[in-house]
Amino acid sequence: TPAPTVTLTPIAPTPPPAITNPRVTVRIETIRGALAAPSLESTFPALGFDQCANGQTGEVPVSVAINARGQIAASPGRGTLRDRTVLRCVERQLEALTAPTSSGRTRMRVVFTFVR
């Protein structure tokens, strides 16, 4: 009689839990350039941006440019949340972050949705 066949399945490591914030959703809509979505998703955590809304709700779309050194320049657009203080806060928070370095420039559109 032939020996029984044993199939080994590799065990994948458990990924770390995602950082979430029930009051802020960060959605990357478009990316063009040297960096790809997987390398950028952790760059824009929801934590820290909740302080910008100051109790207000709505969406803030932002055009983001990332140079090869990972420096970020942000330009908030017209969304449903138009308070200038909120827009400046989102812009400052983004520009304080650092993205991964790359071979060139990356442009993207990120939408922040603030809820209560």
PDB file of N, CA and C in Angstrom:
ATOM      1  N   THR A   1       0.834  -1.179   0.000  1.00  0.00           N
ATOM      2  CA  THR A   1       0.000   0.000   0.000  1.00  0.00           C
ATOM      3  C   THR A   1       0.877   1.240   0.000  1.00  0.00           C
ATOM      4  N   PRO A   2       0.457   2.275  -0.764  1.00  0.00           N
ATOM      5  CA  PRO A   2       1.254   3.511  -0.796  1.00  0.00           C
ATOM      6  C   PRO A   2       1.137   4.272   0.525  1.00  0.00           C
ATOM      7  N   ALA A   3       2.178   5.024   0.836  1.00  0.00           N
ATOM      8  CA  ALA A   3       2.189   5.854   2.051  1.00  0.00           C
ATOM      9  C   ALA A   3       1.195   6.999   1.887  1.00  0.00           C
ATOM     10  N   PRO A   4       0.561   7.456   2.993  1.00  0.00           N
ATOM     11  CA  PRO A   4      -0.393   8.566   2.884  1.00  0.00           C
ATOM     12  C   PRO A   4       0.318   9.852   2.459  1.00  0.00           C
ATOM     13  N   THR A   5      -0.385  10.652   1.694  1.00  0.00           N
ATOM     14  CA  THR A   5       0.157  11.923   1.229  1.00  0.00           C
ATOM     15  C   THR A   5      -0.095  12.990   2.288  1.00  0.00           C
ATOM     16  N   VAL A   6       0.932  13.746   2.592  1.00  0.00           N
ATOM     17  CA  VAL A   6       0.821  14.836   3.561  1.00  0.00           C
ATOM     18  C   VAL A   6       1.065  16.140   2.821  1.00  0.00           C
ATOM     19  N   THR A   7       0.139  17.060   2.961  1.00  0.00           N
ATOM     20  CA  THR A   7       0.281  18.377   2.335  1.00  0.00           C
ATOM     21  C   THR A   7       0.581  19.389   3.427  1.00  0.00           C
ATOM     22  N   LEU A   8       1.663  20.106   3.274  1.00  0.00           N
ATOM     23  CA  LEU A   8       2.044  21.135   4.238  1.00  0.00           C
ATOM     24  C   LEU A   8       1.609  22.495   3.710  1.00  0.00           C
ATOM     25  N   THR A   9       0.953  23.247   4.548  1.00  0.00           N
ATOM     26  CA  THR A   9       0.517  24.585   4.196  1.00  0.00           C
ATOM     27  C   THR A   9       1.317  25.578   5.021  1.00  0.00           C
ATOM     28  N   PRO A  10       2.034  26.505   4.365  1.00  0.00           N
ATOM     29  CA  PRO A  10       2.802  27.481   5.146  1.00  0.00           C
ATOM     30  C   PRO A  10       1.870  28.370   5.973  1.00  0.00           C
ATOM     31  N   ILE A  11       2.317  28.711   7.138  1.00  0.00           N
ATOM     32  CA  ILE A  11       1.542  29.590   8.015  1.00  0.00           C
ATOM     33  C   ILE A  11       2.035  31.010   7.810  1.00  0.00           C
ATOM     34  N   ALA A  12       1.131  31.859   7.374  1.00  0.00           N
ATOM     35  CA  ALA A  12       1.480  33.264   7.147  1.00  0.00           C
ATOM     36  C   ALA A  12       1.456  34.005   8.477  1.00  0.00           C
ATOM     37  N   PRO A  13       2.388  34.924   8.670  1.00  0.00           N
ATOM     38  CA  PRO A  13       2.361  35.713   9.905  1.00  0.00           C
ATOM     39  C   PRO A  13       1.105  36.576   9.971  1.00  0.00           C
ATOM     40  N   THR A  14       0.611  36.787  11.147  1.00  0.00           N
ATOM     41  CA  THR A  14      -0.566  37.625  11.343  1.00  0.00           C
ATOM     42  C   THR A  14      -0.173  39.086  11.148  1.00  0.00           C
ATOM     43  N   PRO A  15      -0.870  39.792  10.254  1.00  0.00           N
ATOM     44  CA  PRO A  15      -0.512  41.201  10.051  1.00  0.00           C
ATOM     45  C   PRO A  15      -0.874  42.027  11.285  1.00  0.00           C
ATOM     46  N   PRO A  16      -0.158  43.122  11.501  1.00  0.00           N
ATOM     47  CA  PRO A  16      -0.486  43.971  12.646  1.00  0.00           C
ATOM     48  C   PRO A  16      -1.868  44.585  12.458  1.00  0.00           C
ATOM     49  N   PRO A  17      -2.557  44.888  13.538  1.00  0.00           N
ATOM     50  CA  PRO A  17      -3.890  45.488  13.391  1.00  0.00           C
ATOM     51  C   PRO A  17      -3.793  46.857  12.738  1.00  0.00           C
ATOM     52  N   ALA A  18      -4.792  47.189  11.965  1.00  0.00           N
ATOM     53  CA  ALA A  18      -4.825  48.496  11.300  1.00  0.00           C
ATOM     54  C   ALA A  18      -5.108  49.583  12.324  1.00  0.00           C
ATOM     55  N   ILE A  19      -4.507  50.733  12.115  1.00  0.00           N
ATOM     56  CA  ILE A  19      -4.786  51.883  12.972  1.00  0.00           C
ATOM     57  C   ILE A  19      -6.050  52.534  12.442  1.00  0.00           C
ATOM     58  N   THR A  20      -7.073  52.552  13.246  1.00  0.00           N
ATOM     59  CA  THR A  20      -8.328  53.136  12.801  1.00  0.00           C
ATOM     60  C   THR A  20      -8.762  54.222  13.766  1.00  0.00           C
ATOM     61  N   ASN A  21      -9.596  55.070  13.283  1.00  0.00           N
ATOM     62  CA  ASN A  21     -10.153  56.132  14.091  1.00  0.00           C
ATOM     63  C   ASN A  21     -11.603  56.266  13.648  1.00  0.00           C
ATOM     64  N   PRO A  22     -12.553  56.027  14.542  1.00  0.00           N
ATOM     65  CA  PRO A  22     -13.944  56.056  14.118  1.00  0.00           C
ATOM     66  C   PRO A  22     -14.433  57.426  13.654  1.00  0.00           C
ATOM     67  N   ARG A  23     -13.674  58.483  13.904  1.00  0.00           N
ATOM     68  CA  ARG A  23     -14.127  59.825  13.508  1.00  0.00           C
ATOM     69  C   ARG A  23     -13.502  60.316  12.210  1.00  0.00           C
ATOM     70  N   VAL A  24     -12.501  59.614  11.694  1.00  0.00           N
ATOM     71  CA  VAL A  24     -11.836  60.049  10.462  1.00  0.00           C
ATOM     72  C   VAL A  24     -11.588  58.835   9.561  1.00  0.00           C
ATOM     73  N   THR A  25     -11.977  58.973   8.297  1.00  0.00           N
ATOM     74  CA  THR A  25     -11.659  57.962   7.301  1.00  0.00           C
ATOM     75  C   THR A  25     -10.709  58.594   6.300  1.00  0.00           C
ATOM     76  N   VAL A  26      -9.633  57.894   5.979  1.00  0.00           N
ATOM     77  CA  VAL A  26      -8.666  58.372   4.992  1.00  0.00           C
ATOM     78  C   VAL A  26      -8.774  57.457   3.777  1.00  0.00           C
ATOM     79  N   ARG A  27      -9.115  58.040   2.629  1.00  0.00           N
ATOM     80  CA  ARG A  27      -9.296  57.256   1.407  1.00  0.00           C
ATOM     81  C   ARG A  27      -8.364  57.787   0.319  1.00  0.00           C
ATOM     82  N   ILE A  28      -7.509  56.925  -0.199  1.00  0.00           N
ATOM     83  CA  ILE A  28      -6.643  57.300  -1.315  1.00  0.00           C
ATOM     84  C   ILE A  28      -7.416  57.011  -2.592  1.00  0.00           C
ATOM     85  N   GLU A  29      -7.713  58.062  -3.366  1.00  0.00           N
ATOM     86  CA  GLU A  29      -8.519  57.888  -4.582  1.00  0.00           C
ATOM     87  C   GLU A  29      -7.678  57.596  -5.817  1.00  0.00           C
ATOM     88  N   THR A  30      -6.614  58.363  -6.015  1.00  0.00           N
ATOM     89  CA  THR A  30      -5.766  58.151  -7.192  1.00  0.00           C
ATOM     90  C   THR A  30      -4.305  58.283  -6.798  1.00  0.00           C
ATOM     91  N   ILE A  31      -3.464  57.538  -7.505  1.00  0.00           N
ATOM     92  CA  ILE A  31      -2.010  57.630  -7.316  1.00  0.00           C
ATOM     93  C   ILE A  31      -1.371  57.549  -8.696  1.00  0.00           C
ATOM     94  N   ARG A  32      -0.460  58.488  -8.968  1.00  0.00           N
ATOM     95  CA  ARG A  32       0.320  58.466 -10.204  1.00  0.00           C
ATOM     96  C   ARG A  32       1.764  58.750  -9.856  1.00  0.00           C
ATOM     97  N   GLY A  33       2.665  57.905 -10.334  1.00  0.00           N
ATOM     98  CA  GLY A  33       4.076  58.172 -10.107  1.00  0.00           C
ATOM     99  C   GLY A  33       4.838  56.976  -9.588  1.00  0.00           C
ATOM    100  N   ALA A  34       5.921  57.256  -8.903  1.00  0.00           N
ATOM    101  CA  ALA A  34       6.880  56.228  -8.504  1.00  0.00           C
ATOM    102  C   ALA A  34       6.398  55.316  -7.380  1.00  0.00           C
ATOM    103  N   LEU A  35       5.567  55.816  -6.476  1.00  0.00           N
ATOM    104  CA  LEU A  35       5.119  55.009  -5.342  1.00  0.00           C
ATOM    105  C   LEU A  35       3.776  54.345  -5.637  1.00  0.00           C
ATOM    106  N   ALA A  36       3.551  53.181  -5.019  1.00  0.00           N
ATOM    107  CA  ALA A  36       2.299  52.441  -5.199  1.00  0.00           C
ATOM    108  C   ALA A  36       1.479  52.487  -3.914  1.00  0.00           C
ATOM    109  N   ALA A  37       0.208  52.148  -4.027  1.00  0.00           N
ATOM    110  CA  ALA A  37      -0.724  52.218  -2.895  1.00  0.00           C
ATOM    111  C   ALA A  37      -0.237  51.481  -1.646  1.00  0.00           C
ATOM    112  N   PRO A  38       0.251  50.242  -1.742  1.00  0.00           N
ATOM    113  CA  PRO A  38       0.657  49.550  -0.504  1.00  0.00           C
ATOM    114  C   PRO A  38       1.718  50.296   0.302  1.00  0.00           C
ATOM    115  N   SER A  39       2.625  50.967  -0.367  1.00  0.00           N
ATOM    116  CA  SER A  39       3.672  51.685   0.364  1.00  0.00           C
ATOM    117  C   SER A  39       3.180  53.006   0.936  1.00  0.00           C
ATOM    118  N   LEU A  40       2.024  53.481   0.478  1.00  0.00           N
ATOM    119  CA  LEU A  40       1.512  54.774   0.939  1.00  0.00           C
ATOM    120  C   LEU A  40       0.386  54.669   1.964  1.00  0.00           C
ATOM    121  N   GLU A  41      -0.305  53.551   2.010  1.00  0.00           N
ATOM    122  CA  GLU A  41      -1.460  53.436   2.896  1.00  0.00           C
ATOM    123  C   GLU A  41      -1.112  53.674   4.354  1.00  0.00           C
ATOM    124  N   SER A  42       0.043  53.208   4.792  1.00  0.00           N
ATOM    125  CA  SER A  42       0.426  53.423   6.188  1.00  0.00           C
ATOM    126  C   SER A  42       0.999  54.819   6.429  1.00  0.00           C
ATOM    127  N   THR A  43       1.281  55.550   5.370  1.00  0.00           N
ATOM    128  CA  THR A  43       1.819  56.907   5.504  1.00  0.00           C
ATOM    129  C   THR A  43       0.755  57.881   5.973  1.00  0.00           C
ATOM    130  N   PHE A  44      -0.515  57.608   5.654  1.00  0.00           N
ATOM    131  CA  PHE A  44      -1.600  58.521   5.963  1.00  0.00           C
ATOM    132  C   PHE A  44      -2.544  57.927   7.004  1.00  0.00           C
ATOM    133  N   PRO A  45      -2.088  57.801   8.240  1.00  0.00           N
ATOM    134  CA  PRO A  45      -2.970  57.242   9.271  1.00  0.00           C
ATOM    135  C   PRO A  45      -4.066  58.237   9.642  1.00  0.00           C
ATOM    136  N   ALA A  46      -5.193  57.719  10.085  1.00  0.00           N
ATOM    137  CA  ALA A  46      -6.306  58.581  10.500  1.00  0.00           C
ATOM    138  C   ALA A  46      -5.998  59.282  11.811  1.00  0.00           C
ATOM    139  N   LEU A  47      -5.110  58.684  12.610  1.00  0.00           N
ATOM    140  CA  LEU A  47      -4.781  59.298  13.894  1.00  0.00           C
ATOM    141  C   LEU A  47      -4.086  60.631  13.676  1.00  0.00           C
ATOM    142  N   GLY A  48      -4.427  61.608  14.458  1.00  0.00           N
ATOM    143  CA  GLY A  48      -3.818  62.929  14.340  1.00  0.00           C
ATOM    144  C   GLY A  48      -4.668  63.894  13.550  1.00  0.00           C
ATOM    145  N   PHE A  49      -5.430  63.383  12.573  1.00  0.00           N
ATOM    146  CA  PHE A  49      -6.260  64.264  11.764  1.00  0.00           C
ATOM    147  C   PHE A  49      -7.580  64.591  12.442  1.00  0.00           C
ATOM    148  N   ASP A  50      -7.999  63.779  13.424  1.00  0.00           N
ATOM    149  CA  ASP A  50      -9.275  64.039  14.091  1.00  0.00           C
ATOM    150  C   ASP A  50      -9.283  65.375  14.810  1.00  0.00           C
ATOM    151  N   GLN A  51      -8.115  65.837  15.251  1.00  0.00           N
ATOM    152  CA  GLN A  51      -8.041  67.130  15.931  1.00  0.00           C
ATOM    153  C   GLN A  51      -8.340  68.287  14.984  1.00  0.00           C
ATOM    154  N   CYS A  52      -8.217  68.065  13.690  1.00  0.00           N
ATOM    155  CA  CYS A  52      -8.450  69.135  12.718  1.00  0.00           C
ATOM    156  C   CYS A  52      -9.925  69.507  12.587  1.00  0.00           C
ATOM    157  N   ALA A  53     -10.818  68.546  12.715  1.00  0.00           N
ATOM    158  CA  ALA A  53     -12.236  68.792  12.449  1.00  0.00           C
ATOM    159  C   ALA A  53     -12.900  69.646  13.505  1.00  0.00           C
ATOM    160  N   ASN A  54     -12.400  69.593  14.731  1.00  0.00           N
ATOM    161  CA  ASN A  54     -12.949  70.419  15.806  1.00  0.00           C
ATOM    162  C   ASN A  54     -14.469  70.256  15.912  1.00  0.00           C
ATOM    163  N   GLY A  55     -14.939  68.996  15.818  1.00  0.00           N
ATOM    164  CA  GLY A  55     -16.356  68.716  15.947  1.00  0.00           C
ATOM    165  C   GLY A  55     -17.172  68.876  14.680  1.00  0.00           C
ATOM    166  N   GLN A  56     -16.551  69.328  13.606  1.00  0.00           N
ATOM    167  CA  GLN A  56     -17.265  69.507  12.347  1.00  0.00           C
ATOM    168  C   GLN A  56     -17.260  68.206  11.545  1.00  0.00           C
ATOM    169  N   THR A  57     -18.192  68.082  10.606  1.00  0.00           N
ATOM    170  CA  THR A  57     -18.258  66.893   9.769  1.00  0.00           C
ATOM    171  C   THR A  57     -18.191  67.278   8.301  1.00  0.00           C
ATOM    172  N   GLY A  58     -17.743  66.335   7.471  1.00  0.00           N
ATOM    173  CA  GLY A  58     -17.678  66.566   6.035  1.00  0.00           C
ATOM    174  C   GLY A  58     -16.424  65.971   5.439  1.00  0.00           C
ATOM    175  N   GLU A  59     -16.236  66.225   4.140  1.00  0.00           N
ATOM    176  CA  GLU A  59     -15.088  65.692   3.416  1.00  0.00           C
ATOM    177  C   GLU A  59     -14.120  66.797   3.023  1.00  0.00           C
ATOM    178  N   VAL A  60     -12.830  66.455   3.068  1.00  0.00           N
ATOM    179  CA  VAL A  60     -11.766  67.355   2.638  1.00  0.00           C
ATOM    180  C   VAL A  60     -10.912  66.599   1.619  1.00  0.00           C
ATOM    181  N   PRO A  61     -11.073  66.904   0.312  1.00  0.00           N
ATOM    182  CA  PRO A  61     -10.195  66.293  -0.686  1.00  0.00           C
ATOM    183  C   PRO A  61      -8.871  67.054  -0.729  1.00  0.00           C
ATOM    184  N   VAL A  62      -7.770  66.328  -0.887  1.00  0.00           N
ATOM    185  CA  VAL A  62      -6.462  66.963  -0.874  1.00  0.00           C
ATOM    186  C   VAL A  62      -5.618  66.423  -2.027  1.00  0.00           C
ATOM    187  N   SER A  63      -5.007  67.329  -2.786  1.00  0.00           N
ATOM    188  CA  SER A  63      -4.012  66.944  -3.792  1.00  0.00           C
ATOM    189  C   SER A  63      -2.675  66.885  -3.076  1.00  0.00           C
ATOM    190  N   VAL A  64      -1.986  65.768  -3.236  1.00  0.00           N
ATOM    191  CA  VAL A  64      -0.733  65.545  -2.525  1.00  0.00           C
ATOM    192  C   VAL A  64       0.373  65.291  -3.542  1.00  0.00           C
ATOM    193  N   ALA A  65       1.511  65.958  -3.351  1.00  0.00           N
ATOM    194  CA  ALA A  65       2.697  65.722  -4.171  1.00  0.00           C
ATOM    195  C   ALA A  65       3.805  65.236  -3.242  1.00  0.00           C
ATOM    196  N   ILE A  66       4.455  64.149  -3.637  1.00  0.00           N
ATOM    197  CA  ILE A  66       5.541  63.570  -2.831  1.00  0.00           C
ATOM    198  C   ILE A  66       6.787  63.530  -3.705  1.00  0.00           C
ATOM    199  N   ASN A  67       7.870  64.154  -3.226  1.00  0.00           N
ATOM    200  CA  ASN A  67       9.092  64.123  -4.020  1.00  0.00           C
ATOM    201  C   ASN A  67       9.875  62.829  -3.733  1.00  0.00           C
ATOM    202  N   ALA A  68      10.958  62.618  -4.442  1.00  0.00           N
ATOM    203  CA  ALA A  68      11.745  61.383  -4.318  1.00  0.00           C
ATOM    204  C   ALA A  68      12.303  61.181  -2.911  1.00  0.00           C
ATOM    205  N   ARG A  69      12.501  62.263  -2.163  1.00  0.00           N
ATOM    206  CA  ARG A  69      13.016  62.155  -0.783  1.00  0.00           C
ATOM    207  C   ARG A  69      11.910  61.868   0.233  1.00  0.00           C
ATOM    208  N   GLY A  70      10.652  61.800  -0.214  1.00  0.00           N
ATOM    209  CA  GLY A  70       9.542  61.498   0.679  1.00  0.00           C
ATOM    210  C   GLY A  70       8.896  62.714   1.307  1.00  0.00           C
ATOM    211  N   GLN A  71       9.309  63.917   0.892  1.00  0.00           N
ATOM    212  CA  GLN A  71       8.700  65.137   1.425  1.00  0.00           C
ATOM    213  C   GLN A  71       7.337  65.352   0.771  1.00  0.00           C
ATOM    214  N   ILE A  72       6.379  65.790   1.581  1.00  0.00           N
ATOM    215  CA  ILE A  72       4.995  65.921   1.133  1.00  0.00           C
ATOM    216  C   ILE A  72       4.585  67.385   1.046  1.00  0.00           C
ATOM    217  N   ALA A  73       3.941  67.731  -0.070  1.00  0.00           N
ATOM    218  CA  ALA A  73       3.303  69.043  -0.231  1.00  0.00           C
ATOM    219  C   ALA A  73       1.820  68.770  -0.446  1.00  0.00           C
ATOM    220  N   ALA A  74       0.963  69.486   0.279  1.00  0.00           N
ATOM    221  CA  ALA A  74      -0.477  69.240   0.224  1.00  0.00           C
ATOM    222  C   ALA A  74      -1.233  70.498  -0.172  1.00  0.00           C
ATOM    223  N   SER A  75      -2.330  70.296  -0.909  1.00  0.00           N
ATOM    224  CA  SER A  75      -3.187  71.394  -1.324  1.00  0.00           C
ATOM    225  C   SER A  75      -4.645  70.957  -1.194  1.00  0.00           C
ATOM    226  N   PRO A  76      -5.301  71.358  -0.096  1.00  0.00           N
ATOM    227  CA  PRO A  76      -6.709  70.981   0.085  1.00  0.00           C
ATOM    228  C   PRO A  76      -7.590  71.589  -1.001  1.00  0.00           C
ATOM    229  N   GLY A  77      -8.587  70.811  -1.419  1.00  0.00           N
ATOM    230  CA  GLY A  77      -9.527  71.271  -2.443  1.00  0.00           C
ATOM    231  C   GLY A  77     -10.872  71.611  -1.826  1.00  0.00           C
ATOM    232  N   ARG A  78     -11.878  71.735  -2.694  1.00  0.00           N
ATOM    233  CA  ARG A  78     -13.230  72.077  -2.233  1.00  0.00           C
ATOM    234  C   ARG A  78     -14.018  70.807  -1.964  1.00  0.00           C
ATOM    235  N   GLY A  79     -14.295  70.573  -0.699  1.00  0.00           N
ATOM    236  CA  GLY A  79     -15.125  69.447  -0.296  1.00  0.00           C
ATOM    237  C   GLY A  79     -16.332  69.977   0.440  1.00  0.00           C
ATOM    238  N   THR A  80     -16.982  69.120   1.181  1.00  0.00           N
ATOM    239  CA  THR A  80     -18.156  69.553   1.935  1.00  0.00           C
ATOM    240  C   THR A  80     -17.776  70.229   3.249  1.00  0.00           C
ATOM    241  N   LEU A  81     -16.536  70.058   3.687  1.00  0.00           N
ATOM    242  CA  LEU A  81     -16.042  70.738   4.886  1.00  0.00           C
ATOM    243  C   LEU A  81     -15.080  71.817   4.411  1.00  0.00           C
ATOM    244  N   ARG A  82     -15.515  73.081   4.489  1.00  0.00           N
ATOM    245  CA  ARG A  82     -14.756  74.174   3.863  1.00  0.00           C
ATOM    246  C   ARG A  82     -14.162  75.169   4.844  1.00  0.00           C
ATOM    247  N   ASP A  83     -14.224  74.881   6.110  1.00  0.00           N
ATOM    248  CA  ASP A  83     -13.677  75.787   7.117  1.00  0.00           C
ATOM    249  C   ASP A  83     -12.169  75.935   6.905  1.00  0.00           C
ATOM    250  N   ARG A  84     -11.700  77.174   6.785  1.00  0.00           N
ATOM    251  CA  ARG A  84     -10.278  77.419   6.502  1.00  0.00           C
ATOM    252  C   ARG A  84      -9.349  76.887   7.588  1.00  0.00           C
ATOM    253  N   THR A  85      -9.782  76.952   8.828  1.00  0.00           N
ATOM    254  CA  THR A  85      -8.965  76.437   9.926  1.00  0.00           C
ATOM    255  C   THR A  85      -8.781  74.930   9.783  1.00  0.00           C
ATOM    256  N   VAL A  86      -9.836  74.235   9.411  1.00  0.00           N
ATOM    257  CA  VAL A  86      -9.765  72.779   9.205  1.00  0.00           C
ATOM    258  C   VAL A  86      -8.839  72.468   8.034  1.00  0.00           C
ATOM    259  N   LEU A  87      -8.996  73.191   6.929  1.00  0.00           N
ATOM    260  CA  LEU A  87      -8.171  72.950   5.748  1.00  0.00           C
ATOM    261  C   LEU A  87      -6.690  73.174   6.032  1.00  0.00           C
ATOM    262  N   ARG A  88      -6.370  74.245   6.755  1.00  0.00           N
ATOM    263  CA  ARG A  88      -4.975  74.522   7.099  1.00  0.00           C
ATOM    264  C   ARG A  88      -4.411  73.444   8.022  1.00  0.00           C
ATOM    265  N   CYS A  89      -5.236  72.963   8.955  1.00  0.00           N
ATOM    266  CA  CYS A  89      -4.798  71.926   9.879  1.00  0.00           C
ATOM    267  C   CYS A  89      -4.477  70.633   9.123  1.00  0.00           C
ATOM    268  N   VAL A  90      -5.360  70.227   8.205  1.00  0.00           N
ATOM    269  CA  VAL A  90      -5.121  69.021   7.410  1.00  0.00           C
ATOM    270  C   VAL A  90      -3.843  69.176   6.594  1.00  0.00           C
ATOM    271  N   GLU A  91      -3.661  70.343   5.996  1.00  0.00           N
ATOM    272  CA  GLU A  91      -2.469  70.615   5.198  1.00  0.00           C
ATOM    273  C   GLU A  91      -1.200  70.499   6.053  1.00  0.00           C
ATOM    274  N   ARG A  92      -1.216  71.115   7.241  1.00  0.00           N
ATOM    275  CA  ARG A  92      -0.047  71.054   8.143  1.00  0.00           C
ATOM    276  C   ARG A  92       0.237  69.627   8.597  1.00  0.00           C
ATOM    277  N   GLN A  93      -0.820  68.881   8.951  1.00  0.00           N
ATOM    278  CA  GLN A  93      -0.641  67.493   9.396  1.00  0.00           C
ATOM    279  C   GLN A  93      -0.013  66.646   8.283  1.00  0.00           C
ATOM    280  N   LEU A  94      -0.493  66.823   7.057  1.00  0.00           N
ATOM    281  CA  LEU A  94       0.058  66.064   5.933  1.00  0.00           C
ATOM    282  C   LEU A  94       1.517  66.402   5.678  1.00  0.00           C
ATOM    283  N   GLU A  95       1.823  67.692   5.676  1.00  0.00           N
ATOM    284  CA  GLU A  95       3.183  68.110   5.360  1.00  0.00           C
ATOM    285  C   GLU A  95       4.179  67.758   6.460  1.00  0.00           C
ATOM    286  N   ALA A  96       3.685  67.413   7.650  1.00  0.00           N
ATOM    287  CA  ALA A  96       4.560  66.967   8.738  1.00  0.00           C
ATOM    288  C   ALA A  96       4.919  65.483   8.597  1.00  0.00           C
ATOM    289  N   LEU A  97       4.162  64.752   7.761  1.00  0.00           N
ATOM    290  CA  LEU A  97       4.434  63.327   7.553  1.00  0.00           C
ATOM    291  C   LEU A  97       5.580  63.147   6.570  1.00  0.00           C
ATOM    292  N   THR A  98       6.151  61.959   6.557  1.00  0.00           N
ATOM    293  CA  THR A  98       7.184  61.605   5.587  1.00  0.00           C
ATOM    294  C   THR A  98       6.769  60.329   4.889  1.00  0.00           C
ATOM    295  N   ALA A  99       6.808  60.346   3.568  1.00  0.00           N
ATOM    296  CA  ALA A  99       6.486  59.165   2.767  1.00  0.00           C
ATOM    297  C   ALA A  99       7.772  58.392   2.484  1.00  0.00           C
ATOM    298  N   PRO A 100       7.647  57.175   1.993  1.00  0.00           N
ATOM    299  CA  PRO A 100       8.851  56.425   1.613  1.00  0.00           C
ATOM    300  C   PRO A 100       9.612  57.142   0.500  1.00  0.00           C
ATOM    301  N   THR A 101      10.913  56.944   0.464  1.00  0.00           N
ATOM    302  CA  THR A 101      11.712  57.506  -0.630  1.00  0.00           C
ATOM    303  C   THR A 101      11.452  56.677  -1.889  1.00  0.00           C
ATOM    304  N   SER A 102      11.704  57.284  -3.041  1.00  0.00           N
ATOM    305  CA  SER A 102      11.432  56.590  -4.302  1.00  0.00           C
ATOM    306  C   SER A 102      12.354  57.108  -5.397  1.00  0.00           C
ATOM    307  N   SER A 103      12.136  56.591  -6.595  1.00  0.00           N
ATOM    308  CA  SER A 103      12.946  57.006  -7.738  1.00  0.00           C
ATOM    309  C   SER A 103      12.439  58.280  -8.395  1.00  0.00           C
ATOM    310  N   GLY A 104      11.298  58.784  -7.962  1.00  0.00           N
ATOM    311  CA  GLY A 104      10.751  59.987  -8.586  1.00  0.00           C
ATOM    312  C   GLY A 104       9.560  60.532  -7.830  1.00  0.00           C
ATOM    313  N   ARG A 105       8.884  61.453  -8.464  1.00  0.00           N
ATOM    314  CA  ARG A 105       7.745  62.158  -7.867  1.00  0.00           C
ATOM    315  C   ARG A 105       6.474  61.313  -7.939  1.00  0.00           C
ATOM    316  N   THR A 106       5.599  61.484  -6.947  1.00  0.00           N
ATOM    317  CA  THR A 106       4.297  60.820  -6.932  1.00  0.00           C
ATOM    318  C   THR A 106       3.231  61.865  -6.645  1.00  0.00           C
ATOM    319  N   ARG A 107       2.128  61.795  -7.385  1.00  0.00           N
ATOM    320  CA  ARG A 107       0.981  62.672  -7.148  1.00  0.00           C
ATOM    321  C   ARG A 107      -0.203  61.792  -6.784  1.00  0.00           C
ATOM    322  N   MET A 108      -0.997  62.292  -5.858  1.00  0.00           N
ATOM    323  CA  MET A 108      -2.165  61.516  -5.449  1.00  0.00           C
ATOM    324  C   MET A 108      -3.271  62.416  -4.950  1.00  0.00           C
ATOM    325  N   ARG A 109      -4.452  61.839  -4.851  1.00  0.00           N
ATOM    326  CA  ARG A 109      -5.608  62.537  -4.286  1.00  0.00           C
ATOM    327  C   ARG A 109      -6.077  61.706  -3.103  1.00  0.00           C
ATOM    328  N   VAL A 110      -6.174  62.369  -1.952  1.00  0.00           N
ATOM    329  CA  VAL A 110      -6.591  61.730  -0.714  1.00  0.00           C
ATOM    330  C   VAL A 110      -7.832  62.461  -0.208  1.00  0.00           C
ATOM    331  N   VAL A 111      -8.823  61.711   0.264  1.00  0.00           N
ATOM    332  CA  VAL A 111     -10.040  62.328   0.794  1.00  0.00           C
ATOM    333  C   VAL A 111     -10.157  61.951   2.271  1.00  0.00           C
ATOM    334  N   PHE A 112     -10.278  62.976   3.110  1.00  0.00           N
ATOM    335  CA  PHE A 112     -10.484  62.798   4.539  1.00  0.00           C
ATOM    336  C   PHE A 112     -11.967  63.042   4.815  1.00  0.00           C
ATOM    337  N   THR A 113     -12.617  62.060   5.447  1.00  0.00           N
ATOM    338  CA  THR A 113     -14.018  62.193   5.807  1.00  0.00           C
ATOM    339  C   THR A 113     -14.102  62.257   7.322  1.00  0.00           C
ATOM    340  N   PHE A 114     -14.628  63.363   7.824  1.00  0.00           N
ATOM    341  CA  PHE A 114     -14.753  63.586   9.271  1.00  0.00           C
ATOM    342  C   PHE A 114     -16.203  63.356   9.681  1.00  0.00           C
ATOM    343  N   VAL A 115     -16.409  62.534  10.706  1.00  0.00           N
ATOM    344  CA  VAL A 115     -17.744  62.277  11.253  1.00  0.00           C
ATOM    345  C   VAL A 115     -17.695  62.523  12.754  1.00  0.00           C
ATOM    346  N   ARG A 116     -18.850  62.627  13.380  1.00  0.00           N
ATOM    347  CA  ARG A 116     -18.892  62.854  14.831  1.00  0.00           C
ATOM    348  C   ARG A 116     -18.899  61.577  15.596  1.00  0.00           C
TER     349      ARG A 116
END
